[in-house]
């Protein structure tokens, strides 16, 4: 899966992200293992669909402060795609609530 996330093809990266999202529903550690790459894809990938998929994957991981900050930054950036901003806002809020429930 890591090789797929690093591939130059957006289709390959997208397929790897879909697989990661499905597998991480029962195994959130998978997201935590590749979190830095997901942050990079969500923030800087050239393909908007890949960016949104990376954001969706982050929902299945632990509610880390850095992830929430990145998602909030994307959600507040007027230069970002509307769908990407909405996804980032939704996942940031979900992670924030997860974090609050654990305290």
PDB file of N, CA and C in Angstrom:
ATOM      1  N   UNK A   1       0.823  -1.183   0.000  1.00  0.00           N
ATOM      2  CA  UNK A   1       0.000   0.000   0.000  1.00  0.00           C
ATOM      3  C   UNK A   1       0.877   1.261   0.000  1.00  0.00           C
ATOM      4  N   UNK A   2       1.979   1.203   0.737  1.00  0.00           N
ATOM      5  CA  UNK A   2       2.873   2.370   0.781  1.00  0.00           C
ATOM      6  C   UNK A   2       3.385   2.719  -0.610  1.00  0.00           C
ATOM      7  N   UNK A   3       3.703   1.703  -1.391  1.00  0.00           N
ATOM      8  CA  UNK A   3       4.174   1.955  -2.750  1.00  0.00           C
ATOM      9  C   UNK A   3       3.096   2.643  -3.564  1.00  0.00           C
ATOM     10  N   UNK A   4       1.851   2.259  -3.365  1.00  0.00           N
ATOM     11  CA  UNK A   4       0.746   2.894  -4.075  1.00  0.00           C
ATOM     12  C   UNK A   4       0.589   4.352  -3.695  1.00  0.00           C
ATOM     13  N   UNK A   5       0.811   4.669  -2.430  1.00  0.00           N
ATOM     14  CA  UNK A   5       0.705   6.056  -1.973  1.00  0.00           C
ATOM     15  C   UNK A   5       1.815   6.931  -2.536  1.00  0.00           C
ATOM     16  N   UNK A   6       2.926   6.305  -2.907  1.00  0.00           N
ATOM     17  CA  UNK A   6       4.071   7.035  -3.451  1.00  0.00           C
ATOM     18  C   UNK A   6       4.074   7.074  -4.980  1.00  0.00           C
ATOM     19  N   UNK A   7       3.189   6.349  -5.619  1.00  0.00           N
ATOM     20  CA  UNK A   7       3.195   6.225  -7.074  1.00  0.00           C
ATOM     21  C   UNK A   7       2.906   7.575  -7.738  1.00  0.00           C
ATOM     22  N   UNK A   8       3.457   7.753  -8.930  1.00  0.00           N
ATOM     23  CA  UNK A   8       3.241   9.023  -9.636  1.00  0.00           C
ATOM     24  C   UNK A   8       1.861   9.105 -10.290  1.00  0.00           C
ATOM     25  N   UNK A   9       1.174   7.985 -10.409  1.00  0.00           N
ATOM     26  CA  UNK A   9      -0.153   7.965 -11.025  1.00  0.00           C
ATOM     27  C   UNK A   9      -1.234   8.320  -9.997  1.00  0.00           C
ATOM     28  N   UNK A  10      -2.051   9.342 -10.272  1.00  0.00           N
ATOM     29  CA  UNK A  10      -3.151   9.669  -9.358  1.00  0.00           C
ATOM     30  C   UNK A  10      -4.118   8.497  -9.167  1.00  0.00           C
ATOM     31  N   UNK A  11      -4.323   7.715 -10.208  1.00  0.00           N
ATOM     32  CA  UNK A  11      -5.221   6.562 -10.099  1.00  0.00           C
ATOM     33  C   UNK A  11      -4.665   5.534  -9.119  1.00  0.00           C
ATOM     34  N   UNK A  12      -3.381   5.313  -9.154  1.00  0.00           N
ATOM     35  CA  UNK A  12      -2.745   4.369  -8.244  1.00  0.00           C
ATOM     36  C   UNK A  12      -2.800   4.891  -6.804  1.00  0.00           C
ATOM     37  N   UNK A  13      -2.486   6.177  -6.618  1.00  0.00           N
ATOM     38  CA  UNK A  13      -2.571   6.768  -5.279  1.00  0.00           C
ATOM     39  C   UNK A  13      -4.002   6.693  -4.757  1.00  0.00           C
ATOM     40  N   UNK A  14      -4.963   6.988  -5.626  1.00  0.00           N
ATOM     41  CA  UNK A  14      -6.365   6.931  -5.225  1.00  0.00           C
ATOM     42  C   UNK A  14      -6.788   5.527  -4.829  1.00  0.00           C
ATOM     43  N   UNK A  15      -6.380   4.535  -5.589  1.00  0.00           N
ATOM     44  CA  UNK A  15      -6.710   3.139  -5.260  1.00  0.00           C
ATOM     45  C   UNK A  15      -6.102   2.733  -3.924  1.00  0.00           C
ATOM     46  N   UNK A  16      -4.863   3.136  -3.694  1.00  0.00           N
ATOM     47  CA  UNK A  16      -4.222   2.822  -2.419  1.00  0.00           C
ATOM     48  C   UNK A  16      -4.953   3.499  -1.267  1.00  0.00           C
ATOM     49  N   UNK A  17      -5.399   4.723  -1.471  1.00  0.00           N
ATOM     50  CA  UNK A  17      -6.133   5.444  -0.426  1.00  0.00           C
ATOM     51  C   UNK A  17      -7.483   4.806  -0.142  1.00  0.00           C
ATOM     52  N   UNK A  18      -8.162   4.345  -1.171  1.00  0.00           N
ATOM     53  CA  UNK A  18      -9.447   3.657  -0.967  1.00  0.00           C
ATOM     54  C   UNK A  18      -9.223   2.391  -0.158  1.00  0.00           C
ATOM     55  N   UNK A  19      -8.200   1.624  -0.508  1.00  0.00           N
ATOM     56  CA  UNK A  19      -7.887   0.405   0.238  1.00  0.00           C
ATOM     57  C   UNK A  19      -7.548   0.733   1.690  1.00  0.00           C
ATOM     58  N   UNK A  20      -6.734   1.765   1.892  1.00  0.00           N
ATOM     59  CA  UNK A  20      -6.364   2.174   3.243  1.00  0.00           C
ATOM     60  C   UNK A  20      -7.591   2.582   4.052  1.00  0.00           C
ATOM     61  N   UNK A  21      -8.473   3.347   3.441  1.00  0.00           N
ATOM     62  CA  UNK A  21      -9.681   3.788   4.161  1.00  0.00           C
ATOM     63  C   UNK A  21     -10.515   2.590   4.595  1.00  0.00           C
ATOM     64  N   UNK A  22     -10.694   1.631   3.711  1.00  0.00           N
ATOM     65  CA  UNK A  22     -11.498   0.448   4.040  1.00  0.00           C
ATOM     66  C   UNK A  22     -10.836  -0.395   5.126  1.00  0.00           C
ATOM     67  N   UNK A  23      -9.540  -0.647   5.000  1.00  0.00           N
ATOM     68  CA  UNK A  23      -8.828  -1.471   5.975  1.00  0.00           C
ATOM     69  C   UNK A  23      -8.713  -0.782   7.331  1.00  0.00           C
ATOM     70  N   UNK A  24      -8.563   0.521   7.332  1.00  0.00           N
ATOM     71  CA  UNK A  24      -8.343   1.249   8.584  1.00  0.00           C
ATOM     72  C   UNK A  24      -9.619   1.416   9.405  1.00  0.00           C
ATOM     73  N   UNK A  25     -10.747   1.080   8.848  1.00  0.00           N
ATOM     74  CA  UNK A  25     -11.979   1.159   9.639  1.00  0.00           C
ATOM     75  C   UNK A  25     -11.899   0.240  10.851  1.00  0.00           C
ATOM     76  N   UNK A  26     -11.277  -0.927  10.672  1.00  0.00           N
ATOM     77  CA  UNK A  26     -11.110  -1.885  11.769  1.00  0.00           C
ATOM     78  C   UNK A  26      -9.714  -1.834  12.389  1.00  0.00           C
ATOM     79  N   UNK A  27      -8.773  -1.175  11.718  1.00  0.00           N
ATOM     80  CA  UNK A  27      -7.385  -1.125  12.172  1.00  0.00           C
ATOM     81  C   UNK A  27      -6.840   0.300  12.032  1.00  0.00           C
ATOM     82  N   UNK A  28      -7.212   1.199  12.941  1.00  0.00           N
ATOM     83  CA  UNK A  28      -6.801   2.600  12.824  1.00  0.00           C
ATOM     84  C   UNK A  28      -5.288   2.796  12.844  1.00  0.00           C
ATOM     85  N   UNK A  29      -4.557   1.833  13.348  1.00  0.00           N
ATOM     86  CA  UNK A  29      -3.109   1.937  13.360  1.00  0.00           C
ATOM     87  C   UNK A  29      -2.519   2.067  11.966  1.00  0.00           C
ATOM     88  N   UNK A  30      -3.229   1.562  10.964  1.00  0.00           N
ATOM     89  CA  UNK A  30      -2.763   1.678   9.580  1.00  0.00           C
ATOM     90  C   UNK A  30      -2.653   3.146   9.168  1.00  0.00           C
ATOM     91  N   UNK A  31      -3.616   3.945   9.567  1.00  0.00           N
ATOM     92  CA  UNK A  31      -3.577   5.379   9.253  1.00  0.00           C
ATOM     93  C   UNK A  31      -2.426   6.036  10.004  1.00  0.00           C
ATOM     94  N   UNK A  32      -2.264   5.665  11.252  1.00  0.00           N
ATOM     95  CA  UNK A  32      -1.198   6.262  12.056  1.00  0.00           C
ATOM     96  C   UNK A  32       0.177   5.940  11.475  1.00  0.00           C
ATOM     97  N   UNK A  33       0.324   4.769  10.869  1.00  0.00           N
ATOM     98  CA  UNK A  33       1.603   4.361  10.279  1.00  0.00           C
ATOM     99  C   UNK A  33       1.995   5.213   9.079  1.00  0.00           C
ATOM    100  N   UNK A  34       1.019   5.733   8.354  1.00  0.00           N
ATOM    101  CA  UNK A  34       1.318   6.517   7.144  1.00  0.00           C
ATOM    102  C   UNK A  34       0.835   7.970   7.261  1.00  0.00           C
ATOM    103  N   UNK A  35       0.592   8.399   8.469  1.00  0.00           N
ATOM    104  CA  UNK A  35       0.044   9.738   8.709  1.00  0.00           C
ATOM    105  C   UNK A  35       0.838  10.853   8.022  1.00  0.00           C
ATOM    106  N   UNK A  36       2.178  10.862   8.110  1.00  0.00           N
ATOM    107  CA  UNK A  36       2.907  11.949   7.427  1.00  0.00           C
ATOM    108  C   UNK A  36       2.641  11.981   5.921  1.00  0.00           C
ATOM    109  N   UNK A  37       2.542  10.824   5.303  1.00  0.00           N
ATOM    110  CA  UNK A  37       2.256  10.779   3.864  1.00  0.00           C
ATOM    111  C   UNK A  37       0.837  11.263   3.597  1.00  0.00           C
ATOM    112  N   UNK A  38      -0.108  10.913   4.454  1.00  0.00           N
ATOM    113  CA  UNK A  38      -1.486  11.385   4.285  1.00  0.00           C
ATOM    114  C   UNK A  38      -1.557  12.900   4.429  1.00  0.00           C
ATOM    115  N   UNK A  39      -0.797  13.446   5.368  1.00  0.00           N
ATOM    116  CA  UNK A  39      -0.750  14.907   5.521  1.00  0.00           C
ATOM    117  C   UNK A  39      -0.240  15.546   4.232  1.00  0.00           C
ATOM    118  N   UNK A  40       0.809  14.969   3.672  1.00  0.00           N
ATOM    119  CA  UNK A  40       1.395  15.503   2.442  1.00  0.00           C
ATOM    120  C   UNK A  40       0.396  15.416   1.281  1.00  0.00           C
ATOM    121  N   UNK A  41      -0.249  14.272   1.129  1.00  0.00           N
ATOM    122  CA  UNK A  41      -1.225  14.107   0.040  1.00  0.00           C
ATOM    123  C   UNK A  41      -2.406  15.060   0.210  1.00  0.00           C
ATOM    124  N   UNK A  42      -2.909  15.179   1.423  1.00  0.00           N
ATOM    125  CA  UNK A  42      -4.060  16.054   1.683  1.00  0.00           C
ATOM    126  C   UNK A  42      -3.730  17.516   1.420  1.00  0.00           C
ATOM    127  N   UNK A  43      -2.512  17.905   1.699  1.00  0.00           N
ATOM    128  CA  UNK A  43      -2.128  19.305   1.587  1.00  0.00           C
ATOM    129  C   UNK A  43      -1.597  19.714   0.223  1.00  0.00           C
ATOM    130  N   UNK A  44      -0.918  18.783  -0.475  1.00  0.00           N
ATOM    131  CA  UNK A  44      -0.162  19.218  -1.642  1.00  0.00           C
ATOM    132  C   UNK A  44      -0.332  18.398  -2.912  1.00  0.00           C
ATOM    133  N   UNK A  45      -1.099  17.329  -2.895  1.00  0.00           N
ATOM    134  CA  UNK A  45      -1.226  16.537  -4.125  1.00  0.00           C
ATOM    135  C   UNK A  45      -1.884  17.381  -5.213  1.00  0.00           C
ATOM    136  N   UNK A  46      -1.467  17.158  -6.445  1.00  0.00           N
ATOM    137  CA  UNK A  46      -2.011  17.923  -7.574  1.00  0.00           C
ATOM    138  C   UNK A  46      -3.433  17.513  -7.932  1.00  0.00           C
ATOM    139  N   UNK A  47      -3.832  16.319  -7.527  1.00  0.00           N
ATOM    140  CA  UNK A  47      -5.140  15.785  -7.880  1.00  0.00           C
ATOM    141  C   UNK A  47      -6.123  15.996  -6.717  1.00  0.00           C
ATOM    142  N   UNK A  48      -7.211  16.710  -6.978  1.00  0.00           N
ATOM    143  CA  UNK A  48      -8.183  17.033  -5.920  1.00  0.00           C
ATOM    144  C   UNK A  48      -8.848  15.788  -5.329  1.00  0.00           C
ATOM    145  N   UNK A  49      -9.117  14.784  -6.155  1.00  0.00           N
ATOM    146  CA  UNK A  49      -9.743  13.555  -5.646  1.00  0.00           C
ATOM    147  C   UNK A  49      -8.796  12.841  -4.691  1.00  0.00           C
ATOM    148  N   UNK A  50      -7.522  12.792  -5.027  1.00  0.00           N
ATOM    149  CA  UNK A  50      -6.527  12.169  -4.143  1.00  0.00           C
ATOM    150  C   UNK A  50      -6.469  12.926  -2.823  1.00  0.00           C
ATOM    151  N   UNK A  51      -6.492  14.237  -2.888  1.00  0.00           N
ATOM    152  CA  UNK A  51      -6.456  15.040  -1.663  1.00  0.00           C
ATOM    153  C   UNK A  51      -7.662  14.744  -0.765  1.00  0.00           C
ATOM    154  N   UNK A  52      -8.845  14.680  -1.366  1.00  0.00           N
ATOM    155  CA  UNK A  52     -10.054  14.386  -0.577  1.00  0.00           C
ATOM    156  C   UNK A  52     -10.007  12.981   0.014  1.00  0.00           C
ATOM    157  N   UNK A  53      -9.514  12.021  -0.751  1.00  0.00           N
ATOM    158  CA  UNK A  53      -9.405  10.655  -0.235  1.00  0.00           C
ATOM    159  C   UNK A  53      -8.429  10.588   0.938  1.00  0.00           C
ATOM    160  N   UNK A  54      -7.330  11.312   0.847  1.00  0.00           N
ATOM    161  CA  UNK A  54      -6.370  11.340   1.957  1.00  0.00           C
ATOM    162  C   UNK A  54      -7.025  11.916   3.213  1.00  0.00           C
ATOM    163  N   UNK A  55      -7.824  12.939   3.040  1.00  0.00           N
ATOM    164  CA  UNK A  55      -8.544  13.534   4.173  1.00  0.00           C
ATOM    165  C   UNK A  55      -9.507  12.525   4.776  1.00  0.00           C
ATOM    166  N   UNK A  56     -10.220  11.802   3.951  1.00  0.00           N
ATOM    167  CA  UNK A  56     -11.160  10.796   4.458  1.00  0.00           C
ATOM    168  C   UNK A  56     -10.437   9.701   5.239  1.00  0.00           C
ATOM    169  N   UNK A  57      -9.262   9.311   4.781  1.00  0.00           N
ATOM    170  CA  UNK A  57      -8.483   8.295   5.499  1.00  0.00           C
ATOM    171  C   UNK A  57      -8.108   8.767   6.902  1.00  0.00           C
ATOM    172  N   UNK A  58      -7.783  10.042   7.036  1.00  0.00           N
ATOM    173  CA  UNK A  58      -7.382  10.579   8.339  1.00  0.00           C
ATOM    174  C   UNK A  58      -8.480  10.433   9.388  1.00  0.00           C
ATOM    175  N   UNK A  59      -9.707  10.328   8.958  1.00  0.00           N
ATOM    176  CA  UNK A  59     -10.838  10.166   9.878  1.00  0.00           C
ATOM    177  C   UNK A  59     -10.730   8.874  10.679  1.00  0.00           C
ATOM    178  N   UNK A  60     -10.091   7.860  10.123  1.00  0.00           N
ATOM    179  CA  UNK A  60     -10.019   6.562  10.796  1.00  0.00           C
ATOM    180  C   UNK A  60      -8.840   6.439  11.753  1.00  0.00           C
ATOM    181  N   UNK A  61      -7.986   7.443  11.801  1.00  0.00           N
ATOM    182  CA  UNK A  61      -6.831   7.401  12.696  1.00  0.00           C
ATOM    183  C   UNK A  61      -7.130   8.055  14.031  1.00  0.00           C
ATOM    184  N   UNK A  62      -6.108   8.117  14.853  1.00  0.00           N
ATOM    185  CA  UNK A  62      -6.273   8.754  16.150  1.00  0.00           C
ATOM    186  C   UNK A  62      -6.367  10.273  15.964  1.00  0.00           C
ATOM    187  N   UNK A  63      -7.027  10.957  16.903  1.00  0.00           N
ATOM    188  CA  UNK A  63      -7.239  12.410  16.781  1.00  0.00           C
ATOM    189  C   UNK A  63      -6.016  13.206  17.212  1.00  0.00           C
ATOM    190  N   UNK A  64      -4.991  13.219  16.376  1.00  0.00           N
ATOM    191  CA  UNK A  64      -3.772  13.949  16.718  1.00  0.00           C
ATOM    192  C   UNK A  64      -3.924  15.432  16.411  1.00  0.00           C
ATOM    193  N   UNK A  65      -3.364  16.232  17.286  1.00  0.00           N
ATOM    194  CA  UNK A  65      -3.478  17.693  17.175  1.00  0.00           C
ATOM    195  C   UNK A  65      -2.961  18.206  15.829  1.00  0.00           C
ATOM    196  N   UNK A  66      -1.821  17.692  15.382  1.00  0.00           N
ATOM    197  CA  UNK A  66      -1.232  18.136  14.122  1.00  0.00           C
ATOM    198  C   UNK A  66      -2.192  17.909  12.949  1.00  0.00           C
ATOM    199  N   UNK A  67      -2.842  16.757  12.941  1.00  0.00           N
ATOM    200  CA  UNK A  67      -3.790  16.445  11.872  1.00  0.00           C
ATOM    201  C   UNK A  67      -4.960  17.423  11.891  1.00  0.00           C
ATOM    202  N   UNK A  68      -5.491  17.681  13.051  1.00  0.00           N
ATOM    203  CA  UNK A  68      -6.624  18.602  13.180  1.00  0.00           C
ATOM    204  C   UNK A  68      -6.223  20.004  12.719  1.00  0.00           C
ATOM    205  N   UNK A  69      -5.030  20.431  13.066  1.00  0.00           N
ATOM    206  CA  UNK A  69      -4.548  21.751  12.632  1.00  0.00           C
ATOM    207  C   UNK A  69      -4.415  21.827  11.112  1.00  0.00           C
ATOM    208  N   UNK A  70      -3.865  20.786  10.510  1.00  0.00           N
ATOM    209  CA  UNK A  70      -3.733  20.756   9.050  1.00  0.00           C
ATOM    210  C   UNK A  70      -5.108  20.815   8.396  1.00  0.00           C
ATOM    211  N   UNK A  71      -6.036  20.024   8.905  1.00  0.00           N
ATOM    212  CA  UNK A  71      -7.381  20.001   8.324  1.00  0.00           C
ATOM    213  C   UNK A  71      -8.088  21.345   8.496  1.00  0.00           C
ATOM    214  N   UNK A  72      -7.937  21.962   9.655  1.00  0.00           N
ATOM    215  CA  UNK A  72      -8.550  23.280   9.866  1.00  0.00           C
ATOM    216  C   UNK A  72      -7.948  24.330   8.937  1.00  0.00           C
ATOM    217  N   UNK A  73      -6.643  24.243   8.719  1.00  0.00           N
ATOM    218  CA  UNK A  73      -5.987  25.172   7.795  1.00  0.00           C
ATOM    219  C   UNK A  73      -6.545  25.009   6.389  1.00  0.00           C
ATOM    220  N   UNK A  74      -6.709  23.764   5.944  1.00  0.00           N
ATOM    221  CA  UNK A  74      -7.277  23.515   4.618  1.00  0.00           C
ATOM    222  C   UNK A  74      -8.726  24.003   4.542  1.00  0.00           C
ATOM    223  N   UNK A  75      -9.481  23.765   5.598  1.00  0.00           N
ATOM    224  CA  UNK A  75     -10.896  24.162   5.618  1.00  0.00           C
ATOM    225  C   UNK A  75     -11.067  25.681   5.552  1.00  0.00           C
ATOM    226  N   UNK A  76     -10.117  26.408   6.105  1.00  0.00           N
ATOM    227  CA  UNK A  76     -10.203  27.870   6.149  1.00  0.00           C
ATOM    228  C   UNK A  76      -9.547  28.570   4.958  1.00  0.00           C
ATOM    229  N   UNK A  77      -8.936  27.808   4.069  1.00  0.00           N
ATOM    230  CA  UNK A  77      -8.203  28.375   2.929  1.00  0.00           C
ATOM    231  C   UNK A  77      -9.145  28.595   1.748  1.00  0.00           C
ATOM    232  N   UNK A  78      -9.469  29.839   1.464  1.00  0.00           N
ATOM    233  CA  UNK A  78     -10.400  30.177   0.375  1.00  0.00           C
ATOM    234  C   UNK A  78      -9.889  29.771  -1.002  1.00  0.00           C
ATOM    235  N   UNK A  79      -8.610  29.511  -1.126  1.00  0.00           N
ATOM    236  CA  UNK A  79      -8.048  29.114  -2.418  1.00  0.00           C
ATOM    237  C   UNK A  79      -8.229  27.632  -2.707  1.00  0.00           C
ATOM    238  N   UNK A  80      -8.705  26.879  -1.719  1.00  0.00           N
ATOM    239  CA  UNK A  80      -8.910  25.439  -1.895  1.00  0.00           C
ATOM    240  C   UNK A  80     -10.279  25.162  -2.515  1.00  0.00           C
ATOM    241  N   UNK A  81     -10.378  24.015  -3.141  1.00  0.00           N
ATOM    242  CA  UNK A  81     -11.613  23.522  -3.729  1.00  0.00           C
ATOM    243  C   UNK A  81     -12.702  23.437  -2.648  1.00  0.00           C
ATOM    244  N   UNK A  82     -13.924  23.779  -3.001  1.00  0.00           N
ATOM    245  CA  UNK A  82     -15.038  23.785  -2.048  1.00  0.00           C
ATOM    246  C   UNK A  82     -15.261  22.412  -1.409  1.00  0.00           C
ATOM    247  N   UNK A  83     -15.217  21.359  -2.218  1.00  0.00           N
ATOM    248  CA  UNK A  83     -15.431  20.010  -1.685  1.00  0.00           C
ATOM    249  C   UNK A  83     -14.307  19.609  -0.741  1.00  0.00           C
ATOM    250  N   UNK A  84     -13.087  19.980  -1.078  1.00  0.00           N
ATOM    251  CA  UNK A  84     -11.955  19.665  -0.218  1.00  0.00           C
ATOM    252  C   UNK A  84     -12.090  20.393   1.116  1.00  0.00           C
ATOM    253  N   UNK A  85     -12.477  21.660   1.059  1.00  0.00           N
ATOM    254  CA  UNK A  85     -12.664  22.437   2.287  1.00  0.00           C
ATOM    255  C   UNK A  85     -13.746  21.827   3.165  1.00  0.00           C
ATOM    256  N   UNK A  86     -14.835  21.402   2.554  1.00  0.00           N
ATOM    257  CA  UNK A  86     -15.926  20.798   3.315  1.00  0.00           C
ATOM    258  C   UNK A  86     -15.489  19.483   3.962  1.00  0.00           C
ATOM    259  N   UNK A  87     -14.761  18.660   3.220  1.00  0.00           N
ATOM    260  CA  UNK A  87     -14.276  17.390   3.761  1.00  0.00           C
ATOM    261  C   UNK A  87     -13.310  17.635   4.916  1.00  0.00           C
ATOM    262  N   UNK A  88     -12.401  18.578   4.742  1.00  0.00           N
ATOM    263  CA  UNK A  88     -11.427  18.885   5.791  1.00  0.00           C
ATOM    264  C   UNK A  88     -12.137  19.385   7.053  1.00  0.00           C
ATOM    265  N   UNK A  89     -13.124  20.239   6.881  1.00  0.00           N
ATOM    266  CA  UNK A  89     -13.875  20.781   8.022  1.00  0.00           C
ATOM    267  C   UNK A  89     -14.595  19.655   8.766  1.00  0.00           C
ATOM    268  N   UNK A  90     -15.241  18.784   8.024  1.00  0.00           N
ATOM    269  CA  UNK A  90     -16.008  17.688   8.628  1.00  0.00           C
ATOM    270  C   UNK A  90     -15.099  16.728   9.391  1.00  0.00           C
ATOM    271  N   UNK A  91     -13.993  16.328   8.790  1.00  0.00           N
ATOM    272  CA  UNK A  91     -13.100  15.369   9.438  1.00  0.00           C
ATOM    273  C   UNK A  91     -12.397  16.013  10.634  1.00  0.00           C
ATOM    274  N   UNK A  92     -12.011  17.279  10.535  1.00  0.00           N
ATOM    275  CA  UNK A  92     -11.401  17.973  11.670  1.00  0.00           C
ATOM    276  C   UNK A  92     -12.359  17.991  12.859  1.00  0.00           C
ATOM    277  N   UNK A  93     -13.608  18.262  12.606  1.00  0.00           N
ATOM    278  CA  UNK A  93     -14.607  18.297  13.682  1.00  0.00           C
ATOM    279  C   UNK A  93     -14.814  16.903  14.288  1.00  0.00           C
ATOM    280  N   UNK A  94     -14.866  15.893  13.443  1.00  0.00           N
ATOM    281  CA  UNK A  94     -15.017  14.516  13.933  1.00  0.00           C
ATOM    282  C   UNK A  94     -13.833  14.127  14.813  1.00  0.00           C
ATOM    283  N   UNK A  95     -12.625  14.439  14.363  1.00  0.00           N
ATOM    284  CA  UNK A  95     -11.434  14.111  15.144  1.00  0.00           C
ATOM    285  C   UNK A  95     -11.396  14.900  16.451  1.00  0.00           C
ATOM    286  N   UNK A  96     -11.802  16.150  16.404  1.00  0.00           N
ATOM    287  CA  UNK A  96     -11.845  16.960  17.628  1.00  0.00           C
ATOM    288  C   UNK A  96     -12.778  16.340  18.652  1.00  0.00           C
ATOM    289  N   UNK A  97     -13.944  15.898  18.192  1.00  0.00           N
ATOM    290  CA  UNK A  97     -14.914  15.255  19.102  1.00  0.00           C
ATOM    291  C   UNK A  97     -14.374  13.942  19.646  1.00  0.00           C
ATOM    292  N   UNK A  98     -13.698  13.161  18.791  1.00  0.00           N
ATOM    293  CA  UNK A  98     -13.088  11.908  19.253  1.00  0.00           C
ATOM    294  C   UNK A  98     -12.072  12.178  20.341  1.00  0.00           C
ATOM    295  N   UNK A  99     -11.261  13.209  20.126  1.00  0.00           N
ATOM    296  CA  UNK A  99     -10.247  13.563  21.113  1.00  0.00           C
ATOM    297  C   UNK A  99     -10.855  14.009  22.424  1.00  0.00           C
ATOM    298  N   UNK A 100     -11.923  14.780  22.348  1.00  0.00           N
ATOM    299  CA  UNK A 100     -12.594  15.266  23.562  1.00  0.00           C
ATOM    300  C   UNK A 100     -13.245  14.109  24.325  1.00  0.00           C
ATOM    301  N   UNK A 101     -13.768  13.139  23.592  1.00  0.00           N
ATOM    302  CA  UNK A 101     -14.418  11.988  24.240  1.00  0.00           C
ATOM    303  C   UNK A 101     -13.411  11.098  24.953  1.00  0.00           C
ATOM    304  N   UNK A 102     -12.168  11.112  24.520  1.00  0.00           N
ATOM    305  CA  UNK A 102     -11.130  10.270  25.140  1.00  0.00           C
ATOM    306  C   UNK A 102     -10.594  10.867  26.424  1.00  0.00           C
ATOM    307  N   UNK A 103     -10.826  12.139  26.625  1.00  0.00           N
ATOM    308  CA  UNK A 103     -10.277  12.799  27.832  1.00  0.00           C
ATOM    309  C   UNK A 103     -11.081  12.521  29.042  1.00  0.00           C
TER     310      UNK A 103
END
